[in-house]
């Protein structure tokens, strides 16, 4: 199979994936298109996710035990398109419970 680069960044108090260090790292990973990327970001304090910053060859994304409150409809659509090739872990986050999370609930039920 394809080789995988695993980045273990758990428990590092990372608050955002838009930090300048991460912005420099992800394009370099995307250019290694023959490799799969596994990104372990569990147990940080991430509140939101900008999928445009993530490498296109991402195959595993662990965002469990962070501070994610919601996922936008655009983000869910992108994750749904990647679903066949992306393993995703989103549990143990303080999701908002209101009428705006309907898309997220359907996404979780389907995938």
C-alpha atoms as a PDB file:
ATOM      1  CA  UNK A   1       0.000   0.000   0.000  1.00  0.00           C
ATOM      2  CA  UNK A   2       0.786   3.663   0.144  1.00  0.00           C
ATOM      3  CA  UNK A   3       3.211   4.939   2.768  1.00  0.00           C
ATOM      4  CA  UNK A   4       1.784   7.227   5.444  1.00  0.00           C
ATOM      5  CA  UNK A   5       3.280  10.200   7.237  1.00  0.00           C
ATOM      6  CA  UNK A   6       1.838  10.320  10.764  1.00  0.00           C
ATOM      7  CA  UNK A   7       1.922  13.643  12.598  1.00  0.00           C
ATOM      8  CA  UNK A   8       1.234  13.225  16.284  1.00  0.00           C
ATOM      9  CA  UNK A   9       0.372  16.633  17.698  1.00  0.00           C
ATOM     10  CA  UNK A  10      -1.862  15.512  20.545  1.00  0.00           C
ATOM     11  CA  UNK A  11      -1.918  17.401  23.857  1.00  0.00           C
ATOM     12  CA  UNK A  12      -0.050  20.472  22.587  1.00  0.00           C
ATOM     13  CA  UNK A  13      -2.558  23.220  23.464  1.00  0.00           C
ATOM     14  CA  UNK A  14      -3.064  23.926  19.745  1.00  0.00           C
ATOM     15  CA  UNK A  15      -5.961  26.371  19.453  1.00  0.00           C
ATOM     16  CA  UNK A  16      -6.178  26.816  15.705  1.00  0.00           C
ATOM     17  CA  UNK A  17      -5.113  25.189  12.469  1.00  0.00           C
ATOM     18  CA  UNK A  18      -4.408  28.613  11.015  1.00  0.00           C
ATOM     19  CA  UNK A  19      -1.237  29.090  13.048  1.00  0.00           C
ATOM     20  CA  UNK A  20       1.622  30.231  10.824  1.00  0.00           C
ATOM     21  CA  UNK A  21       3.713  27.148  11.588  1.00  0.00           C
ATOM     22  CA  UNK A  22       0.931  24.833  10.480  1.00  0.00           C
ATOM     23  CA  UNK A  23       0.269  26.918   7.365  1.00  0.00           C
ATOM     24  CA  UNK A  24       3.890  26.377   6.332  1.00  0.00           C
ATOM     25  CA  UNK A  25       3.759  22.666   7.137  1.00  0.00           C
ATOM     26  CA  UNK A  26       0.581  21.614   5.296  1.00  0.00           C
ATOM     27  CA  UNK A  27       1.539  22.782   1.768  1.00  0.00           C
ATOM     28  CA  UNK A  28       4.764  20.790   2.048  1.00  0.00           C
ATOM     29  CA  UNK A  29       2.763  17.709   3.011  1.00  0.00           C
ATOM     30  CA  UNK A  30       0.314  18.180   0.141  1.00  0.00           C
ATOM     31  CA  UNK A  31       3.199  18.269  -2.315  1.00  0.00           C
ATOM     32  CA  UNK A  32       4.136  14.749  -1.205  1.00  0.00           C
ATOM     33  CA  UNK A  33       1.074  13.463  -3.054  1.00  0.00           C
ATOM     34  CA  UNK A  34       2.343   9.881  -3.246  1.00  0.00           C
ATOM     35  CA  UNK A  35       2.139   9.686   0.548  1.00  0.00           C
ATOM     36  CA  UNK A  36      -0.928   9.574   2.767  1.00  0.00           C
ATOM     37  CA  UNK A  37      -1.123  11.933   5.749  1.00  0.00           C
ATOM     38  CA  UNK A  38      -2.456  11.016   9.199  1.00  0.00           C
ATOM     39  CA  UNK A  39      -3.018  14.002  11.470  1.00  0.00           C
ATOM     40  CA  UNK A  40      -3.567  13.339  15.168  1.00  0.00           C
ATOM     41  CA  UNK A  41      -4.834  16.498  16.895  1.00  0.00           C
ATOM     42  CA  UNK A  42      -6.675  14.937  19.839  1.00  0.00           C
ATOM     43  CA  UNK A  43      -6.703  16.621  23.246  1.00  0.00           C
ATOM     44  CA  UNK A  44      -5.931  20.159  22.106  1.00  0.00           C
ATOM     45  CA  UNK A  45      -8.093  23.292  22.356  1.00  0.00           C
ATOM     46  CA  UNK A  46      -9.040  23.651  18.673  1.00  0.00           C
ATOM     47  CA  UNK A  47     -12.310  25.565  18.254  1.00  0.00           C
ATOM     48  CA  UNK A  48     -12.701  25.550  14.469  1.00  0.00           C
ATOM     49  CA  UNK A  49     -11.299  23.945  11.384  1.00  0.00           C
ATOM     50  CA  UNK A  50     -10.391  25.445   8.012  1.00  0.00           C
ATOM     51  CA  UNK A  51     -10.408  22.564   5.565  1.00  0.00           C
ATOM     52  CA  UNK A  52      -8.636  24.665   2.940  1.00  0.00           C
ATOM     53  CA  UNK A  53      -5.493  24.461   5.083  1.00  0.00           C
ATOM     54  CA  UNK A  54      -5.504  20.688   5.334  1.00  0.00           C
ATOM     55  CA  UNK A  55      -3.398  18.638   2.931  1.00  0.00           C
ATOM     56  CA  UNK A  56      -5.303  17.116   0.012  1.00  0.00           C
ATOM     57  CA  UNK A  57      -3.758  13.708   0.738  1.00  0.00           C
ATOM     58  CA  UNK A  58      -5.118  13.651   4.310  1.00  0.00           C
ATOM     59  CA  UNK A  59      -6.430  10.168   5.122  1.00  0.00           C
ATOM     60  CA  UNK A  60      -6.896  10.352   8.894  1.00  0.00           C
ATOM     61  CA  UNK A  61      -7.959  13.312  11.038  1.00  0.00           C
ATOM     62  CA  UNK A  62      -8.436  12.980  14.779  1.00  0.00           C
ATOM     63  CA  UNK A  63     -10.058  16.069  16.304  1.00  0.00           C
ATOM     64  CA  UNK A  64     -11.588  14.379  19.330  1.00  0.00           C
ATOM     65  CA  UNK A  65     -11.346  16.005  22.763  1.00  0.00           C
ATOM     66  CA  UNK A  66     -10.954  19.564  21.536  1.00  0.00           C
ATOM     67  CA  UNK A  67     -13.216  22.627  21.797  1.00  0.00           C
ATOM     68  CA  UNK A  68     -15.089  22.333  18.487  1.00  0.00           C
ATOM     69  CA  UNK A  69     -18.595  23.788  18.902  1.00  0.00           C
ATOM     70  CA  UNK A  70     -19.943  23.239  15.383  1.00  0.00           C
ATOM     71  CA  UNK A  71     -19.045  22.340  11.823  1.00  0.00           C
ATOM     72  CA  UNK A  72     -20.313  24.487   8.958  1.00  0.00           C
ATOM     73  CA  UNK A  73     -22.395  23.111   6.107  1.00  0.00           C
ATOM     74  CA  UNK A  74     -19.500  23.703   3.686  1.00  0.00           C
ATOM     75  CA  UNK A  75     -17.141  21.834   5.971  1.00  0.00           C
ATOM     76  CA  UNK A  76     -19.545  18.917   6.265  1.00  0.00           C
ATOM     77  CA  UNK A  77     -19.946  18.774   2.478  1.00  0.00           C
ATOM     78  CA  UNK A  78     -16.169  18.636   2.064  1.00  0.00           C
ATOM     79  CA  UNK A  79     -15.837  15.945   4.722  1.00  0.00           C
ATOM     80  CA  UNK A  80     -18.627  13.952   3.045  1.00  0.00           C
ATOM     81  CA  UNK A  81     -16.755  14.093  -0.295  1.00  0.00           C
ATOM     82  CA  UNK A  82     -13.590  12.860   1.417  1.00  0.00           C
ATOM     83  CA  UNK A  83     -15.432  10.222   3.424  1.00  0.00           C
ATOM     84  CA  UNK A  84     -14.386   7.275   1.278  1.00  0.00           C
ATOM     85  CA  UNK A  85     -10.719   8.055   1.876  1.00  0.00           C
ATOM     86  CA  UNK A  86     -10.759   9.877   5.236  1.00  0.00           C
ATOM     87  CA  UNK A  87     -10.996   8.365   8.701  1.00  0.00           C
ATOM     88  CA  UNK A  88     -12.428  11.012  11.020  1.00  0.00           C
ATOM     89  CA  UNK A  89     -12.696  11.138  14.810  1.00  0.00           C
ATOM     90  CA  UNK A  90     -14.779  14.038  16.214  1.00  0.00           C
ATOM     91  CA  UNK A  91     -16.037  12.831  19.599  1.00  0.00           C
ATOM     92  CA  UNK A  92     -15.805  14.501  23.000  1.00  0.00           C
ATOM     93  CA  UNK A  93     -16.195  18.091  21.805  1.00  0.00           C
ATOM     94  CA  UNK A  94     -18.627  20.631  23.331  1.00  0.00           C
ATOM     95  CA  UNK A  95     -20.963  20.786  20.334  1.00  0.00           C
ATOM     96  CA  UNK A  96     -23.753  23.337  20.419  1.00  0.00           C
ATOM     97  CA  UNK A  97     -27.177  21.802  20.624  1.00  0.00           C
ATOM     98  CA  UNK A  98     -29.607  23.971  18.679  1.00  0.00           C
ATOM     99  CA  UNK A  99     -31.582  23.962  15.434  1.00  0.00           C
ATOM    100  CA  UNK A 100     -28.481  24.919  13.432  1.00  0.00           C
ATOM    101  CA  UNK A 101     -26.811  21.552  13.962  1.00  0.00           C
ATOM    102  CA  UNK A 102     -29.277  19.549  11.865  1.00  0.00           C
ATOM    103  CA  UNK A 103     -26.759  19.100   9.017  1.00  0.00           C
ATOM    104  CA  UNK A 104     -24.133  17.904  11.475  1.00  0.00           C
ATOM    105  CA  UNK A 105     -26.514  15.358  12.983  1.00  0.00           C
ATOM    106  CA  UNK A 106     -27.370  13.997   9.518  1.00  0.00           C
ATOM    107  CA  UNK A 107     -23.660  13.832   8.676  1.00  0.00           C
ATOM    108  CA  UNK A 108     -22.937  11.829  11.846  1.00  0.00           C
ATOM    109  CA  UNK A 109     -25.822   9.449  11.172  1.00  0.00           C
ATOM    110  CA  UNK A 110     -24.710   8.847   7.582  1.00  0.00           C
ATOM    111  CA  UNK A 111     -20.975   8.497   8.154  1.00  0.00           C
END
